[in-house]
Structure formats: C-alpha cells, structure tokens
C-alpha cells in the first residue's frame, strides 16, 4: 500500500500498480483496489495508467475484470469500491 500511495514519487505508484496487475491474483488486485479507494484523483490516475500498461500488448495477461468481479463482493467496502473502479478501467482499456 505504501508504494501505491507514495506521495513523493508517482512513478513508483504507476510501476507498483502495473506489477500487481500483471500478477493478477485476487490478493494483488485487492491491494490496488484498497489503494484506489484511499487515493486522491491524481494517484488514482497513475494507478489506472499502471493497470492499463499491464493490460496493453500482452497476450496472456490475467483477466483483471474477472478478479474485480470477485472483489466487488469483498466484505470490506473499500475493496468493493476500488474493485468497481478498476473494473471500469478494464472496460475503458478494451475499447
């Protein structure tokens, strides 16, 4: 979470979001979702860019949309909100 919400270096935010999205597990995407729920607009934009980078140009990227579909039923409200936001990002990336 500290790397995703690093206020001193948004490059770290972007790279961490990309790396976690490439892993694509529920645990990895949940970290992004929790950070998105806590982040300001600027930081969320950098996380979105990182997620888009992970989805672009890869033949075997994890299905982030499927993982987010699981996370929108997470017991923690922040994880649900963040997952819904990331799900919208994946839809934007497919257009």
C-alpha atoms as a PDB file:
ATOM      1  CA  UNK A   1       0.000   0.000   0.000  1.00  0.00           C
ATOM      2  CA  UNK A   2       2.864   2.353   0.819  1.00  0.00           C
ATOM      3  CA  UNK A   3       4.266   2.064  -2.696  1.00  0.00           C
ATOM      4  CA  UNK A   4       0.865   2.524  -4.322  1.00  0.00           C
ATOM      5  CA  UNK A   5       0.168   5.625  -2.252  1.00  0.00           C
ATOM      6  CA  UNK A   6       3.706   7.081  -2.359  1.00  0.00           C
ATOM      7  CA  UNK A   7       3.072  10.825  -2.412  1.00  0.00           C
ATOM      8  CA  UNK A   8       6.688  11.636  -3.236  1.00  0.00           C
ATOM      9  CA  UNK A   9       7.033   9.541  -6.395  1.00  0.00           C
ATOM     10  CA  UNK A  10       4.123   8.772  -8.695  1.00  0.00           C
ATOM     11  CA  UNK A  11       6.399   6.656 -10.901  1.00  0.00           C
ATOM     12  CA  UNK A  12       6.530   4.189  -8.024  1.00  0.00           C
ATOM     13  CA  UNK A  13       2.732   4.266  -7.855  1.00  0.00           C
ATOM     14  CA  UNK A  14       2.430   3.506 -11.563  1.00  0.00           C
ATOM     15  CA  UNK A  15       5.065   0.758 -11.575  1.00  0.00           C
ATOM     16  CA  UNK A  16       3.639  -0.937  -8.494  1.00  0.00           C
ATOM     17  CA  UNK A  17       0.110  -0.907  -9.906  1.00  0.00           C
ATOM     18  CA  UNK A  18       1.411  -2.354 -13.164  1.00  0.00           C
ATOM     19  CA  UNK A  19       3.381  -5.096 -11.403  1.00  0.00           C
ATOM     20  CA  UNK A  20       0.440  -6.080  -9.208  1.00  0.00           C
ATOM     21  CA  UNK A  21      -1.944  -6.065 -12.176  1.00  0.00           C
ATOM     22  CA  UNK A  22       0.444  -8.318 -14.110  1.00  0.00           C
ATOM     23  CA  UNK A  23       0.385 -10.779 -11.203  1.00  0.00           C
ATOM     24  CA  UNK A  24      -3.406 -10.605 -11.417  1.00  0.00           C
ATOM     25  CA  UNK A  25      -4.278 -12.622  -8.340  1.00  0.00           C
ATOM     26  CA  UNK A  26      -7.157 -11.659  -6.082  1.00  0.00           C
ATOM     27  CA  UNK A  27      -4.660 -10.615  -3.399  1.00  0.00           C
ATOM     28  CA  UNK A  28      -2.654  -8.440  -5.798  1.00  0.00           C
ATOM     29  CA  UNK A  29      -5.670  -6.710  -7.339  1.00  0.00           C
ATOM     30  CA  UNK A  30      -7.215  -6.271  -3.886  1.00  0.00           C
ATOM     31  CA  UNK A  31      -4.167  -4.213  -2.870  1.00  0.00           C
ATOM     32  CA  UNK A  32      -4.706  -1.953  -5.873  1.00  0.00           C
ATOM     33  CA  UNK A  33      -8.422  -1.717  -5.077  1.00  0.00           C
ATOM     34  CA  UNK A  34      -7.776  -0.717  -1.477  1.00  0.00           C
ATOM     35  CA  UNK A  35      -5.272   1.907  -2.604  1.00  0.00           C
ATOM     36  CA  UNK A  36      -7.673   3.269  -5.237  1.00  0.00           C
ATOM     37  CA  UNK A  37     -10.368   3.666  -2.595  1.00  0.00           C
ATOM     38  CA  UNK A  38      -7.964   5.706  -0.470  1.00  0.00           C
ATOM     39  CA  UNK A  39      -6.180   7.648  -3.218  1.00  0.00           C
ATOM     40  CA  UNK A  40      -6.836  11.125  -4.485  1.00  0.00           C
ATOM     41  CA  UNK A  41      -7.678  11.629  -8.153  1.00  0.00           C
ATOM     42  CA  UNK A  42      -4.073  12.161  -9.236  1.00  0.00           C
ATOM     43  CA  UNK A  43      -2.814   8.999  -7.587  1.00  0.00           C
ATOM     44  CA  UNK A  44      -5.762   7.007  -8.887  1.00  0.00           C
ATOM     45  CA  UNK A  45      -4.911   8.239 -12.392  1.00  0.00           C
ATOM     46  CA  UNK A  46      -1.363   6.890 -12.023  1.00  0.00           C
ATOM     47  CA  UNK A  47      -2.702   3.557 -10.790  1.00  0.00           C
ATOM     48  CA  UNK A  48      -5.068   3.463 -13.748  1.00  0.00           C
ATOM     49  CA  UNK A  49      -2.140   4.069 -16.092  1.00  0.00           C
ATOM     50  CA  UNK A  50      -0.236   1.228 -14.452  1.00  0.00           C
ATOM     51  CA  UNK A  51      -3.184  -1.146 -14.830  1.00  0.00           C
ATOM     52  CA  UNK A  52      -3.614  -0.115 -18.473  1.00  0.00           C
ATOM     53  CA  UNK A  53       0.109  -0.687 -19.056  1.00  0.00           C
ATOM     54  CA  UNK A  54      -0.254  -4.205 -17.656  1.00  0.00           C
ATOM     55  CA  UNK A  55      -3.196  -4.918 -19.944  1.00  0.00           C
ATOM     56  CA  UNK A  56      -1.680  -3.447 -23.104  1.00  0.00           C
ATOM     57  CA  UNK A  57       0.235  -5.584 -25.514  1.00  0.00           C
ATOM     58  CA  UNK A  58       0.169  -8.824 -23.562  1.00  0.00           C
ATOM     59  CA  UNK A  59      -1.302 -11.974 -24.992  1.00  0.00           C
ATOM     60  CA  UNK A  60      -1.598 -13.750 -21.681  1.00  0.00           C
ATOM     61  CA  UNK A  61      -2.482 -11.001 -19.227  1.00  0.00           C
ATOM     62  CA  UNK A  62      -4.530 -12.037 -16.231  1.00  0.00           C
ATOM     63  CA  UNK A  63      -8.224 -11.337 -16.517  1.00  0.00           C
ATOM     64  CA  UNK A  64      -8.413  -8.375 -14.172  1.00  0.00           C
ATOM     65  CA  UNK A  65     -12.132  -7.996 -14.920  1.00  0.00           C
ATOM     66  CA  UNK A  66     -12.849 -11.491 -13.572  1.00  0.00           C
ATOM     67  CA  UNK A  67     -10.816 -10.788 -10.435  1.00  0.00           C
ATOM     68  CA  UNK A  68     -12.627  -7.470  -9.925  1.00  0.00           C
ATOM     69  CA  UNK A  69     -15.921  -9.316 -10.344  1.00  0.00           C
ATOM     70  CA  UNK A  70     -14.935 -11.401  -7.329  1.00  0.00           C
ATOM     71  CA  UNK A  71     -13.736  -8.375  -5.372  1.00  0.00           C
ATOM     72  CA  UNK A  72     -16.960  -6.407  -5.784  1.00  0.00           C
ATOM     73  CA  UNK A  73     -18.362  -8.933  -3.280  1.00  0.00           C
ATOM     74  CA  UNK A  74     -15.482  -8.428  -0.813  1.00  0.00           C
ATOM     75  CA  UNK A  75     -16.510  -7.975   2.825  1.00  0.00           C
ATOM     76  CA  UNK A  76     -14.581  -4.690   3.008  1.00  0.00           C
ATOM     77  CA  UNK A  77     -16.380  -1.704   1.472  1.00  0.00           C
ATOM     78  CA  UNK A  78     -13.144  -0.024   0.369  1.00  0.00           C
ATOM     79  CA  UNK A  79     -12.123  -3.127  -1.595  1.00  0.00           C
ATOM     80  CA  UNK A  80     -15.549  -3.223  -3.266  1.00  0.00           C
ATOM     81  CA  UNK A  81     -15.358   0.454  -4.248  1.00  0.00           C
ATOM     82  CA  UNK A  82     -11.833   0.148  -5.588  1.00  0.00           C
ATOM     83  CA  UNK A  83     -12.635  -3.029  -7.500  1.00  0.00           C
ATOM     84  CA  UNK A  84     -15.607  -1.338  -9.159  1.00  0.00           C
ATOM     85  CA  UNK A  85     -13.308   1.495 -10.243  1.00  0.00           C
ATOM     86  CA  UNK A  86     -10.688  -0.896 -11.622  1.00  0.00           C
ATOM     87  CA  UNK A  87     -13.412  -2.836 -13.424  1.00  0.00           C
ATOM     88  CA  UNK A  88     -14.402   0.389 -15.185  1.00  0.00           C
ATOM     89  CA  UNK A  89     -10.734   0.900 -16.150  1.00  0.00           C
ATOM     90  CA  UNK A  90     -10.590  -2.555 -17.735  1.00  0.00           C
ATOM     91  CA  UNK A  91     -13.675  -1.746 -19.776  1.00  0.00           C
ATOM     92  CA  UNK A  92     -12.052   1.507 -20.945  1.00  0.00           C
ATOM     93  CA  UNK A  93      -8.890  -0.396 -21.910  1.00  0.00           C
ATOM     94  CA  UNK A  94     -10.865  -2.794 -24.122  1.00  0.00           C
ATOM     95  CA  UNK A  95     -12.401  -0.003 -26.210  1.00  0.00           C
END
